[in-house]
């Protein structure tokens, strides 16, 4: 399996890979077309940063093309939100799979069948 297929092994939401070890606040995942995306935490935004403290999401090859994701609800919410943004079309094709991945059904994705 390649990195892209591994990222979608459990359903339509990507599995994020943490970069730089525990506490780095930086993650990457491919979208369904193979574009690699980066999510990173910004604790102290630069004065010219248009966004407040929180997470930034951008294609890895175009980090200036940044989207804001709030930190208000924590890391896992940010990862889920970023995953939904980059894999929206795949999620629309498999909403039940996305619900299972997010734990919104009785069936848990990691439970034995």
Protein backbone atom coordinates (compact mmCIF):
# COMPACT_ATOMS: atom_id res chain seq x y z
CA UNK A 1 0.00 0.00 0.00
CA UNK A 2 1.13 3.55 -0.60
CA UNK A 3 0.75 6.53 1.75
CA UNK A 4 -2.42 7.69 0.02
CA UNK A 5 -4.23 4.36 0.28
CA UNK A 6 -3.03 3.90 3.89
CA UNK A 7 -4.50 7.31 4.74
CA UNK A 8 -7.96 6.13 3.66
CA UNK A 9 -7.84 2.53 4.96
CA UNK A 10 -10.61 3.16 7.53
CA UNK A 11 -13.04 5.23 5.45
CA UNK A 12 -13.41 8.53 3.60
CA UNK A 13 -11.67 10.70 6.21
CA UNK A 14 -7.87 10.79 5.96
CA UNK A 15 -5.61 9.47 8.71
CA UNK A 16 -3.20 12.24 9.68
CA UNK A 17 0.53 11.65 10.19
CA UNK A 18 2.18 13.72 12.89
CA UNK A 19 5.44 15.39 11.89
CA UNK A 20 8.22 16.29 14.31
CA UNK A 21 7.15 14.09 17.20
CA UNK A 22 4.80 14.57 20.10
CA UNK A 23 3.75 18.15 20.68
CA UNK A 24 4.92 19.46 17.31
CA UNK A 25 1.39 20.50 16.34
CA UNK A 26 2.10 19.65 12.69
CA UNK A 27 0.26 16.96 10.71
CA UNK A 28 0.01 15.85 7.08
CA UNK A 29 -2.50 13.83 5.07
CA UNK A 30 -3.24 13.40 1.37
CA UNK A 31 -6.56 14.29 -0.17
CA UNK A 32 -8.23 11.64 -2.37
CA UNK A 33 -6.49 13.06 -5.48
CA UNK A 34 -3.03 12.68 -3.91
CA UNK A 35 -2.39 16.32 -2.96
CA UNK A 36 -0.60 16.35 0.41
CA UNK A 37 -2.06 18.78 2.97
CA UNK A 38 -0.46 20.17 6.11
CA UNK A 39 -2.21 21.21 9.32
CA UNK A 40 -0.17 23.13 11.87
CA UNK A 41 -0.76 25.01 15.11
CA UNK A 42 -0.02 28.71 15.44
CA UNK A 43 0.17 29.87 19.05
CA UNK A 44 1.49 33.37 18.45
CA UNK A 45 0.44 34.70 15.03
CA UNK A 46 2.68 37.22 13.31
CA UNK A 47 1.36 40.81 13.28
CA UNK A 48 0.53 40.53 9.56
CA UNK A 49 -1.19 37.13 9.93
CA UNK A 50 -4.86 37.52 8.89
CA UNK A 51 -5.92 34.74 11.30
CA UNK A 52 -5.98 34.55 15.10
CA UNK A 53 -4.33 31.85 17.21
CA UNK A 54 -5.39 28.43 15.95
CA UNK A 55 -4.63 25.94 13.20
CA UNK A 56 -3.67 26.56 9.60
CA UNK A 57 -4.49 24.17 6.75
CA UNK A 58 -2.84 24.40 3.35
CA UNK A 59 -1.56 22.23 0.52
CA UNK A 60 2.01 21.28 1.43
CA UNK A 61 3.27 22.68 -1.88
CA UNK A 62 1.45 26.01 -1.34
CA UNK A 63 1.66 26.88 2.37
CA UNK A 64 0.77 30.51 1.63
CA UNK A 65 -2.71 29.35 0.52
CA UNK A 66 -3.86 28.96 4.12
CA UNK A 67 -7.27 28.23 5.65
CA UNK A 68 -8.06 28.87 9.31
CA UNK A 69 -9.32 26.19 11.71
CA UNK A 70 -10.18 27.15 15.27
CA UNK A 71 -8.44 25.66 18.31
CA UNK A 72 -11.51 26.27 20.41
CA UNK A 73 -12.62 22.62 20.42
CA UNK A 74 -9.18 21.01 20.55
CA UNK A 75 -6.85 19.04 18.33
CA UNK A 76 -9.18 16.19 17.40
CA UNK A 77 -11.87 18.60 16.28
CA UNK A 78 -9.26 20.45 14.18
CA UNK A 79 -8.09 17.17 12.59
CA UNK A 80 -11.67 16.11 11.81
CA UNK A 81 -12.53 19.55 10.39
CA UNK A 82 -9.39 19.58 8.24
CA UNK A 83 -10.12 16.05 7.03
CA UNK A 84 -13.65 17.03 6.05
CA UNK A 85 -12.35 20.03 4.14
CA UNK A 86 -9.80 18.09 2.10
CA UNK A 87 -11.93 14.97 1.52
CA UNK A 88 -15.38 16.54 1.13
CA UNK A 89 -16.27 14.81 -2.14
CA UNK A 90 -15.29 11.38 -0.78
CA UNK A 91 -17.30 12.01 2.38
CA UNK A 92 -20.38 12.93 0.35
CA UNK A 93 -20.03 9.59 -1.48
CA UNK A 94 -19.66 7.62 1.79
CA UNK A 95 -21.40 9.52 4.61
CA UNK A 96 -21.96 6.32 6.61
CA UNK A 97 -18.23 5.58 6.50
CA UNK A 98 -17.46 9.09 7.75
CA UNK A 99 -19.98 8.72 10.58
CA UNK A 100 -18.35 5.42 11.60
CA UNK A 101 -14.89 7.02 11.57
CA UNK A 102 -16.10 9.88 13.74
CA UNK A 103 -17.79 7.51 16.18
CA UNK A 104 -21.27 8.83 15.41
CA UNK A 105 -22.83 5.39 15.01
CA UNK A 106 -23.28 2.39 17.28
CA UNK A 107 -20.69 0.49 15.24
CA UNK A 108 -17.12 1.53 16.11
CA UNK A 109 -14.54 1.33 13.28
CA UNK A 110 -12.01 -0.44 15.52
CA UNK A 111 -14.40 -2.95 17.08
CA UNK A 112 -14.15 -6.63 16.14
CA UNK A 113 -16.93 -7.83 13.87
